[in-house]
Amino acid sequence: MKKKARGQSSIEYVIIFAVIAAALIAVAVMFSPKIRSAIGGLSGSIRGQVQ
């Protein structure tokens, strides 16, 4: 039976982390306008309640 190389698993983790990070960045870029408008709406309604 062959033993797994220790460095191979580290590289696999780095690749998985890079793919997840790229996916998160892509989602953030795609939904950025909607998120900004939602935050703007919330801040406007909070300002209306405070005044």
PDB file of N, CA and C in Angstrom:
ATOM      1  N   MET A   1       0.832  -1.181   0.000  1.00  0.00           N
ATOM      2  CA  MET A   1       0.000   0.000   0.000  1.00  0.00           C
ATOM      3  C   MET A   1       0.881   1.250   0.000  1.00  0.00           C
ATOM      4  N   LYS A   2       0.517   2.187  -0.834  1.00  0.00           N
ATOM      5  CA  LYS A   2       1.285   3.426  -0.954  1.00  0.00           C
ATOM      6  C   LYS A   2       0.843   4.447   0.078  1.00  0.00           C
ATOM      7  N   LYS A   3       1.795   5.119   0.700  1.00  0.00           N
ATOM      8  CA  LYS A   3       1.462   6.188   1.644  1.00  0.00           C
ATOM      9  C   LYS A   3       1.257   7.489   0.885  1.00  0.00           C
ATOM     10  N   LYS A   4       0.310   8.281   1.358  1.00  0.00           N
ATOM     11  CA  LYS A   4       0.078   9.598   0.758  1.00  0.00           C
ATOM     12  C   LYS A   4       1.202  10.545   1.139  1.00  0.00           C
ATOM     13  N   ALA A   5       1.592  11.359   0.198  1.00  0.00           N
ATOM     14  CA  ALA A   5       2.584  12.380   0.497  1.00  0.00           C
ATOM     15  C   ALA A   5       1.933  13.469   1.332  1.00  0.00           C
ATOM     16  N   ARG A   6       2.653  13.940   2.313  1.00  0.00           N
ATOM     17  CA  ARG A   6       2.090  14.946   3.219  1.00  0.00           C
ATOM     18  C   ARG A   6       1.849  16.279   2.505  1.00  0.00           C
ATOM     19  N   GLY A   7       2.738  16.659   1.626  1.00  0.00           N
ATOM     20  CA  GLY A   7       2.601  17.921   0.913  1.00  0.00           C
ATOM     21  C   GLY A   7       1.429  17.943  -0.044  1.00  0.00           C
ATOM     22  N   GLN A   8       1.067  16.789  -0.550  1.00  0.00           N
ATOM     23  CA  GLN A   8      -0.045  16.719  -1.490  1.00  0.00           C
ATOM     24  C   GLN A   8      -1.340  17.179  -0.836  1.00  0.00           C
ATOM     25  N   SER A   9      -1.582  16.774   0.389  1.00  0.00           N
ATOM     26  CA  SER A   9      -2.818  17.178   1.050  1.00  0.00           C
ATOM     27  C   SER A   9      -2.834  18.680   1.321  1.00  0.00           C
ATOM     28  N   SER A  10      -1.688  19.254   1.606  1.00  0.00           N
ATOM     29  CA  SER A  10      -1.616  20.702   1.831  1.00  0.00           C
ATOM     30  C   SER A  10      -1.968  21.459   0.553  1.00  0.00           C
ATOM     31  N   ILE A  11      -1.469  20.983  -0.563  1.00  0.00           N
ATOM     32  CA  ILE A  11      -1.762  21.630  -1.838  1.00  0.00           C
ATOM     33  C   ILE A  11      -3.250  21.512  -2.156  1.00  0.00           C
ATOM     34  N   GLU A  12      -3.841  20.366  -1.849  1.00  0.00           N
ATOM     35  CA  GLU A  12      -5.268  20.196  -2.078  1.00  0.00           C
ATOM     36  C   GLU A  12      -6.079  21.194  -1.259  1.00  0.00           C
ATOM     37  N   TYR A  13      -5.695  21.402  -0.013  1.00  0.00           N
ATOM     38  CA  TYR A  13      -6.392  22.376   0.829  1.00  0.00           C
ATOM     39  C   TYR A  13      -6.250  23.787   0.282  1.00  0.00           C
ATOM     40  N   VAL A  14      -5.082  24.131  -0.227  1.00  0.00           N
ATOM     41  CA  VAL A  14      -4.867  25.467  -0.797  1.00  0.00           C
ATOM     42  C   VAL A  14      -5.742  25.657  -2.031  1.00  0.00           C
ATOM     43  N   ILE A  15      -5.840  24.627  -2.871  1.00  0.00           N
ATOM     44  CA  ILE A  15      -6.669  24.721  -4.074  1.00  0.00           C
ATOM     45  C   ILE A  15      -8.138  24.881  -3.696  1.00  0.00           C
ATOM     46  N   ILE A  16      -8.601  24.106  -2.729  1.00  0.00           N
ATOM     47  CA  ILE A  16      -9.995  24.214  -2.288  1.00  0.00           C
ATOM     48  C   ILE A  16     -10.266  25.604  -1.726  1.00  0.00           C
ATOM     49  N   PHE A  17      -9.347  26.116  -0.910  1.00  0.00           N
ATOM     50  CA  PHE A  17      -9.500  27.457  -0.343  1.00  0.00           C
ATOM     51  C   PHE A  17      -9.552  28.509  -1.440  1.00  0.00           C
ATOM     52  N   ALA A  18      -8.708  28.378  -2.458  1.00  0.00           N
ATOM     53  CA  ALA A  18      -8.684  29.352  -3.551  1.00  0.00           C
ATOM     54  C   ALA A  18      -9.987  29.316  -4.343  1.00  0.00           C
ATOM     55  N   VAL A  19     -10.534  28.133  -4.575  1.00  0.00           N
ATOM     56  CA  VAL A  19     -11.795  28.020  -5.315  1.00  0.00           C
ATOM     57  C   VAL A  19     -12.934  28.645  -4.519  1.00  0.00           C
ATOM     58  N   ILE A  20     -12.971  28.384  -3.207  1.00  0.00           N
ATOM     59  CA  ILE A  20     -14.023  28.958  -2.357  1.00  0.00           C
ATOM     60  C   ILE A  20     -13.896  30.480  -2.304  1.00  0.00           C
ATOM     61  N   ALA A  21     -12.667  30.977  -2.172  1.00  0.00           N
ATOM     62  CA  ALA A  21     -12.455  32.426  -2.135  1.00  0.00           C
ATOM     63  C   ALA A  21     -12.891  33.076  -3.448  1.00  0.00           C
ATOM     64  N   ALA A  22     -12.565  32.447  -4.575  1.00  0.00           N
ATOM     65  CA  ALA A  22     -12.966  32.993  -5.872  1.00  0.00           C
ATOM     66  C   ALA A  22     -14.491  33.002  -6.009  1.00  0.00           C
ATOM     67  N   ALA A  23     -15.140  31.951  -5.526  1.00  0.00           N
ATOM     68  CA  ALA A  23     -16.606  31.894  -5.594  1.00  0.00           C
ATOM     69  C   ALA A  23     -17.230  32.984  -4.735  1.00  0.00           C
ATOM     70  N   LEU A  24     -16.689  33.208  -3.543  1.00  0.00           N
ATOM     71  CA  LEU A  24     -17.212  34.263  -2.667  1.00  0.00           C
ATOM     72  C   LEU A  24     -17.039  35.642  -3.291  1.00  0.00           C
ATOM     73  N   ILE A  25     -15.905  35.868  -3.914  1.00  0.00           N
ATOM     74  CA  ILE A  25     -15.658  37.156  -4.565  1.00  0.00           C
ATOM     75  C   ILE A  25     -16.618  37.345  -5.737  1.00  0.00           C
ATOM     76  N   ALA A  26     -16.838  36.281  -6.517  1.00  0.00           N
ATOM     77  CA  ALA A  26     -17.754  36.367  -7.649  1.00  0.00           C
ATOM     78  C   ALA A  26     -19.172  36.677  -7.188  1.00  0.00           C
ATOM     79  N   VAL A  27     -19.610  36.039  -6.121  1.00  0.00           N
ATOM     80  CA  VAL A  27     -20.964  36.286  -5.592  1.00  0.00           C
ATOM     81  C   VAL A  27     -21.067  37.716  -5.073  1.00  0.00           C
ATOM     82  N   ALA A  28     -20.027  38.180  -4.393  1.00  0.00           N
ATOM     83  CA  ALA A  28     -20.044  39.546  -3.867  1.00  0.00           C
ATOM     84  C   ALA A  28     -20.114  40.564  -4.990  1.00  0.00           C
ATOM     85  N   VAL A  29     -19.399  40.320  -6.077  1.00  0.00           N
ATOM     86  CA  VAL A  29     -19.420  41.248  -7.211  1.00  0.00           C
ATOM     87  C   VAL A  29     -20.786  41.222  -7.897  1.00  0.00           C
ATOM     88  N   MET A  30     -21.375  40.034  -8.033  1.00  0.00           N
ATOM     89  CA  MET A  30     -22.669  39.924  -8.707  1.00  0.00           C
ATOM     90  C   MET A  30     -23.786  40.604  -7.920  1.00  0.00           C
ATOM     91  N   PHE A  31     -23.769  40.473  -6.605  1.00  0.00           N
ATOM     92  CA  PHE A  31     -24.854  40.998  -5.787  1.00  0.00           C
ATOM     93  C   PHE A  31     -24.535  42.351  -5.154  1.00  0.00           C
ATOM     94  N   SER A  32     -23.423  42.946  -5.496  1.00  0.00           N
ATOM     95  CA  SER A  32     -23.014  44.216  -4.904  1.00  0.00           C
ATOM     96  C   SER A  32     -24.060  45.315  -5.059  1.00  0.00           C
ATOM     97  N   PRO A  33     -24.637  45.535  -6.248  1.00  0.00           N
ATOM     98  CA  PRO A  33     -25.650  46.608  -6.362  1.00  0.00           C
ATOM     99  C   PRO A  33     -26.877  46.351  -5.486  1.00  0.00           C
ATOM    100  N   LYS A  34     -27.328  45.123  -5.416  1.00  0.00           N
ATOM    101  CA  LYS A  34     -28.500  44.814  -4.595  1.00  0.00           C
ATOM    102  C   LYS A  34     -28.196  45.008  -3.117  1.00  0.00           C
ATOM    103  N   ILE A  35     -27.007  44.604  -2.702  1.00  0.00           N
ATOM    104  CA  ILE A  35     -26.624  44.755  -1.295  1.00  0.00           C
ATOM    105  C   ILE A  35     -26.523  46.231  -0.938  1.00  0.00           C
ATOM    106  N   ARG A  36     -25.920  47.011  -1.828  1.00  0.00           N
ATOM    107  CA  ARG A  36     -25.782  48.456  -1.555  1.00  0.00           C
ATOM    108  C   ARG A  36     -27.140  49.144  -1.469  1.00  0.00           C
ATOM    109  N   SER A  37     -28.056  48.775  -2.370  1.00  0.00           N
ATOM    110  CA  SER A  37     -29.370  49.420  -2.324  1.00  0.00           C
ATOM    111  C   SER A  37     -30.145  48.995  -1.084  1.00  0.00           C
ATOM    112  N   ALA A  38     -29.985  47.750  -0.666  1.00  0.00           N
ATOM    113  CA  ALA A  38     -30.664  47.281   0.549  1.00  0.00           C
ATOM    114  C   ALA A  38     -30.124  48.019   1.767  1.00  0.00           C
ATOM    115  N   ILE A  39     -28.818  48.183   1.843  1.00  0.00           N
ATOM    116  CA  ILE A  39     -28.216  48.902   2.977  1.00  0.00           C
ATOM    117  C   ILE A  39     -28.638  50.368   2.944  1.00  0.00           C
ATOM    118  N   GLY A  40     -28.689  50.956   1.743  1.00  0.00           N
ATOM    119  CA  GLY A  40     -29.136  52.345   1.621  1.00  0.00           C
ATOM    120  C   GLY A  40     -30.576  52.509   2.073  1.00  0.00           C
ATOM    121  N   GLY A  41     -31.433  51.562   1.719  1.00  0.00           N
ATOM    122  CA  GLY A  41     -32.822  51.613   2.151  1.00  0.00           C
ATOM    123  C   GLY A  41     -32.956  51.471   3.653  1.00  0.00           C
ATOM    124  N   LEU A  42     -32.171  50.581   4.226  1.00  0.00           N
ATOM    125  CA  LEU A  42     -32.205  50.405   5.683  1.00  0.00           C
ATOM    126  C   LEU A  42     -31.731  51.657   6.407  1.00  0.00           C
ATOM    127  N   SER A  43     -30.638  52.237   5.905  1.00  0.00           N
ATOM    128  CA  SER A  43     -30.128  53.434   6.575  1.00  0.00           C
ATOM    129  C   SER A  43     -31.127  54.590   6.446  1.00  0.00           C
ATOM    130  N   GLY A  44     -31.806  54.673   5.312  1.00  0.00           N
ATOM    131  CA  GLY A  44     -32.818  55.724   5.139  1.00  0.00           C
ATOM    132  C   GLY A  44     -33.996  55.541   6.086  1.00  0.00           C
ATOM    133  N   SER A  45     -34.428  54.294   6.260  1.00  0.00           N
ATOM    134  CA  SER A  45     -35.550  54.069   7.171  1.00  0.00           C
ATOM    135  C   SER A  45     -35.135  54.276   8.629  1.00  0.00           C
ATOM    136  N   ILE A  46     -33.901  53.965   8.954  1.00  0.00           N
ATOM    137  CA  ILE A  46     -33.420  54.200  10.324  1.00  0.00           C
ATOM    138  C   ILE A  46     -33.345  55.707  10.585  1.00  0.00           C
ATOM    139  N   ARG A  47     -32.858  56.454   9.605  1.00  0.00           N
ATOM    140  CA  ARG A  47     -32.791  57.917   9.766  1.00  0.00           C
ATOM    141  C   ARG A  47     -34.187  58.497   9.944  1.00  0.00           C
ATOM    142  N   GLY A  48     -35.162  57.978   9.206  1.00  0.00           N
ATOM    143  CA  GLY A  48     -36.537  58.463   9.326  1.00  0.00           C
ATOM    144  C   GLY A  48     -37.111  58.191  10.697  1.00  0.00           C
ATOM    145  N   GLN A  49     -36.739  57.077  11.316  1.00  0.00           N
ATOM    146  CA  GLN A  49     -37.261  56.741  12.642  1.00  0.00           C
ATOM    147  C   GLN A  49     -36.588  57.569  13.727  1.00  0.00           C
ATOM    148  N   VAL A  50     -35.336  57.925  13.539  1.00  0.00           N
ATOM    149  CA  VAL A  50     -34.600  58.669  14.555  1.00  0.00           C
ATOM    150  C   VAL A  50     -35.060  60.117  14.607  1.00  0.00           C
ATOM    151  N   GLN A  51     -35.374  60.690  13.464  1.00  0.00           N
ATOM    152  CA  GLN A  51     -35.715  62.118  13.423  1.00  0.00           C
ATOM    153  C   GLN A  51     -37.077  62.379  13.953  1.00  0.00           C
TER     154      GLN A  51
END
